[in-house]
């Protein structure tokens, strides 16, 4: 397993989700993508919903008010 970091702070939907999907497409199964995000709809709705649909395990953690970390494992 390799960890990859992706900082999408300052980006808004739908670009947040598009960037995450594009990056996930380059990862190998078992790799983990660590995403930093400051856009509430992306961190709490669009990215988690897309990961559920894709079947990727993920965890969302609020690092501080207005900043989230999403850990997504590609399977």
N, C-alpha and C. Protein backbone atom coordinates (compact mmCIF):
# COMPACT_ATOMS: atom_id res chain seq x y z
N UNK A 1 0.84 -1.19 0.00
CA UNK A 1 0.00 0.00 0.00
C UNK A 1 0.88 1.25 0.00
N UNK A 2 0.54 2.16 -0.86
CA UNK A 2 1.25 3.43 -0.95
C UNK A 2 0.27 4.54 -0.62
N UNK A 3 0.69 5.50 0.17
CA UNK A 3 -0.15 6.66 0.48
C UNK A 3 0.17 7.79 -0.50
N UNK A 4 -0.88 8.40 -1.02
CA UNK A 4 -0.75 9.53 -1.93
C UNK A 4 -1.51 10.70 -1.31
N UNK A 5 -0.95 11.89 -1.38
CA UNK A 5 -1.61 13.07 -0.83
C UNK A 5 -2.11 13.96 -1.95
N UNK A 6 -3.28 14.54 -1.72
CA UNK A 6 -3.90 15.44 -2.69
C UNK A 6 -4.50 16.60 -1.93
N UNK A 7 -4.05 17.80 -2.23
CA UNK A 7 -4.55 19.01 -1.58
C UNK A 7 -5.47 19.74 -2.56
N UNK A 8 -6.76 19.74 -2.24
CA UNK A 8 -7.72 20.43 -3.11
C UNK A 8 -8.32 21.64 -2.39
N UNK A 9 -7.62 22.16 -1.40
CA UNK A 9 -8.11 23.36 -0.72
C UNK A 9 -8.17 24.50 -1.74
N UNK A 10 -9.21 25.28 -1.63
CA UNK A 10 -9.42 26.39 -2.55
C UNK A 10 -10.23 26.01 -3.78
N UNK A 11 -10.47 24.71 -3.98
CA UNK A 11 -11.27 24.25 -5.11
C UNK A 11 -12.72 24.09 -4.67
N UNK A 12 -13.65 24.18 -5.61
CA UNK A 12 -15.07 24.01 -5.33
C UNK A 12 -15.65 22.93 -6.23
N UNK A 13 -16.85 22.47 -5.88
CA UNK A 13 -17.55 21.48 -6.69
C UNK A 13 -17.94 22.11 -8.03
N UNK A 14 -17.92 21.36 -9.09
CA UNK A 14 -17.65 19.92 -9.18
C UNK A 14 -16.17 19.59 -9.34
N UNK A 15 -15.30 20.58 -9.32
CA UNK A 15 -13.88 20.33 -9.56
C UNK A 15 -13.26 19.44 -8.49
N UNK A 16 -13.69 19.58 -7.24
CA UNK A 16 -13.15 18.73 -6.17
C UNK A 16 -13.31 17.26 -6.51
N UNK A 17 -14.52 16.88 -6.84
CA UNK A 17 -14.80 15.48 -7.15
C UNK A 17 -14.07 15.03 -8.41
N UNK A 18 -14.03 15.86 -9.42
CA UNK A 18 -13.34 15.50 -10.66
C UNK A 18 -11.85 15.26 -10.42
N UNK A 19 -11.23 16.10 -9.62
CA UNK A 19 -9.80 15.97 -9.32
C UNK A 19 -9.54 14.68 -8.54
N UNK A 20 -10.40 14.39 -7.57
CA UNK A 20 -10.25 13.16 -6.76
C UNK A 20 -10.42 11.93 -7.65
N UNK A 21 -11.43 11.92 -8.49
CA UNK A 21 -11.65 10.76 -9.38
C UNK A 21 -10.48 10.56 -10.33
N UNK A 22 -9.96 11.64 -10.87
CA UNK A 22 -8.82 11.55 -11.79
C UNK A 22 -7.61 10.95 -11.07
N UNK A 23 -7.33 11.43 -9.86
CA UNK A 23 -6.19 10.92 -9.09
C UNK A 23 -6.39 9.45 -8.74
N UNK A 24 -7.60 9.07 -8.33
CA UNK A 24 -7.87 7.68 -7.99
C UNK A 24 -7.62 6.77 -9.19
N UNK A 25 -7.88 7.27 -10.38
CA UNK A 25 -7.67 6.49 -11.59
C UNK A 25 -6.21 6.13 -11.83
N UNK A 26 -5.29 6.85 -11.20
CA UNK A 26 -3.86 6.59 -11.38
C UNK A 26 -3.30 5.67 -10.31
N UNK A 27 -4.09 5.35 -9.28
CA UNK A 27 -3.60 4.55 -8.16
C UNK A 27 -3.78 3.06 -8.41
N UNK A 28 -2.98 2.28 -7.70
CA UNK A 28 -3.08 0.83 -7.75
C UNK A 28 -4.05 0.36 -6.66
N UNK A 29 -4.69 -0.79 -6.85
CA UNK A 29 -5.56 -1.32 -5.79
C UNK A 29 -4.79 -1.46 -4.48
N UNK A 30 -5.42 -1.03 -3.40
CA UNK A 30 -4.80 -1.07 -2.08
C UNK A 30 -4.15 0.24 -1.69
N UNK A 31 -3.88 1.11 -2.66
CA UNK A 31 -3.30 2.41 -2.35
C UNK A 31 -4.32 3.28 -1.62
N UNK A 32 -3.81 4.23 -0.85
CA UNK A 32 -4.67 5.14 -0.09
C UNK A 32 -4.44 6.57 -0.55
N UNK A 33 -5.52 7.27 -0.78
CA UNK A 33 -5.46 8.68 -1.17
C UNK A 33 -5.89 9.52 0.01
N UNK A 34 -5.02 10.44 0.43
CA UNK A 34 -5.31 11.33 1.55
C UNK A 34 -5.59 12.71 0.95
N UNK A 35 -6.83 13.15 1.08
CA UNK A 35 -7.29 14.39 0.45
C UNK A 35 -7.53 15.45 1.52
N UNK A 36 -6.96 16.63 1.34
CA UNK A 36 -7.28 17.78 2.19
C UNK A 36 -8.24 18.66 1.42
N UNK A 37 -9.33 19.04 2.08
CA UNK A 37 -10.41 19.76 1.41
C UNK A 37 -11.00 20.81 2.36
N UNK A 38 -11.30 21.99 1.81
CA UNK A 38 -11.93 23.04 2.62
C UNK A 38 -13.30 23.45 2.08
N UNK A 39 -13.85 22.66 1.18
CA UNK A 39 -15.16 22.95 0.59
C UNK A 39 -16.19 22.01 1.22
N UNK A 40 -17.04 22.51 2.13
CA UNK A 40 -17.95 21.64 2.87
C UNK A 40 -18.81 20.70 2.01
N UNK A 41 -19.42 21.17 0.91
CA UNK A 41 -20.23 20.22 0.13
C UNK A 41 -19.41 19.06 -0.44
N UNK A 42 -18.18 19.32 -0.82
CA UNK A 42 -17.34 18.25 -1.35
C UNK A 42 -16.94 17.27 -0.25
N UNK A 43 -16.52 17.79 0.90
CA UNK A 43 -16.04 16.94 1.99
C UNK A 43 -17.15 16.12 2.63
N UNK A 44 -18.34 16.69 2.68
CA UNK A 44 -19.43 16.03 3.40
C UNK A 44 -20.48 15.38 2.51
N UNK A 45 -20.51 15.71 1.24
CA UNK A 45 -21.56 15.18 0.38
C UNK A 45 -21.04 14.52 -0.90
N UNK A 46 -20.51 15.32 -1.82
CA UNK A 46 -20.24 14.79 -3.16
C UNK A 46 -19.13 13.74 -3.19
N UNK A 47 -18.02 13.97 -2.51
CA UNK A 47 -16.95 12.97 -2.53
C UNK A 47 -17.37 11.71 -1.77
N UNK A 48 -17.90 11.80 -0.54
CA UNK A 48 -18.35 10.58 0.14
C UNK A 48 -19.40 9.80 -0.66
N UNK A 49 -20.36 10.50 -1.26
CA UNK A 49 -21.39 9.82 -2.05
C UNK A 49 -20.77 9.06 -3.22
N UNK A 50 -19.83 9.70 -3.91
CA UNK A 50 -19.16 9.05 -5.06
C UNK A 50 -18.34 7.85 -4.61
N UNK A 51 -17.72 7.92 -3.44
CA UNK A 51 -16.92 6.80 -2.95
C UNK A 51 -17.81 5.62 -2.56
N UNK A 52 -18.97 5.92 -1.99
CA UNK A 52 -19.92 4.85 -1.67
C UNK A 52 -20.36 4.16 -2.95
N UNK A 53 -20.70 4.95 -3.97
CA UNK A 53 -21.13 4.37 -5.25
C UNK A 53 -20.02 3.54 -5.89
N UNK A 54 -18.77 3.96 -5.75
CA UNK A 54 -17.64 3.25 -6.34
C UNK A 54 -17.21 2.05 -5.48
N UNK A 55 -17.68 2.00 -4.24
CA UNK A 55 -17.32 0.90 -3.35
C UNK A 55 -15.95 1.06 -2.70
N UNK A 56 -15.46 2.30 -2.62
CA UNK A 56 -14.17 2.55 -1.99
C UNK A 56 -14.37 2.86 -0.51
N UNK A 57 -13.68 2.15 0.38
CA UNK A 57 -13.74 2.50 1.79
C UNK A 57 -13.11 3.88 2.02
N UNK A 58 -13.71 4.65 2.90
CA UNK A 58 -13.18 5.99 3.17
C UNK A 58 -13.52 6.43 4.58
N UNK A 59 -12.76 7.39 5.05
CA UNK A 59 -12.99 8.02 6.36
C UNK A 59 -12.89 9.53 6.15
N UNK A 60 -13.83 10.27 6.73
CA UNK A 60 -13.79 11.73 6.70
C UNK A 60 -13.52 12.21 8.12
N UNK A 61 -12.52 13.07 8.25
CA UNK A 61 -12.16 13.59 9.57
C UNK A 61 -12.02 15.11 9.46
N UNK A 62 -12.65 15.83 10.37
CA UNK A 62 -12.50 17.29 10.39
C UNK A 62 -11.23 17.62 11.17
N UNK A 63 -10.26 18.19 10.49
CA UNK A 63 -8.97 18.53 11.11
C UNK A 63 -9.09 19.77 11.98
N UNK A 64 -9.86 20.72 11.50
CA UNK A 64 -10.14 21.97 12.20
C UNK A 64 -11.40 22.55 11.56
N UNK A 65 -12.03 23.53 12.16
CA UNK A 65 -13.24 24.08 11.54
C UNK A 65 -12.96 24.53 10.10
N UNK A 66 -13.69 23.94 9.16
CA UNK A 66 -13.56 24.32 7.76
C UNK A 66 -12.48 23.60 6.99
N UNK A 67 -11.82 22.58 7.60
CA UNK A 67 -10.79 21.82 6.89
C UNK A 67 -10.96 20.34 7.21
N UNK A 68 -11.09 19.53 6.16
CA UNK A 68 -11.33 18.11 6.31
C UNK A 68 -10.20 17.30 5.67
N UNK A 69 -10.05 16.08 6.19
CA UNK A 69 -9.16 15.10 5.57
C UNK A 69 -10.02 13.89 5.23
N UNK A 70 -9.91 13.46 3.99
CA UNK A 70 -10.60 12.26 3.55
C UNK A 70 -9.54 11.22 3.21
N UNK A 71 -9.67 10.04 3.79
CA UNK A 71 -8.77 8.93 3.48
C UNK A 71 -9.57 7.92 2.69
N UNK A 72 -9.15 7.72 1.44
CA UNK A 72 -9.88 6.85 0.52
C UNK A 72 -8.96 5.71 0.11
N UNK A 73 -9.45 4.50 0.22
CA UNK A 73 -8.65 3.35 -0.20
C UNK A 73 -9.19 2.82 -1.51
N UNK A 74 -8.31 2.71 -2.49
CA UNK A 74 -8.74 2.17 -3.79
C UNK A 74 -8.71 0.65 -3.68
N UNK A 75 -9.79 0.03 -4.13
CA UNK A 75 -9.81 -1.44 -4.08
C UNK A 75 -9.90 -2.02 -5.46
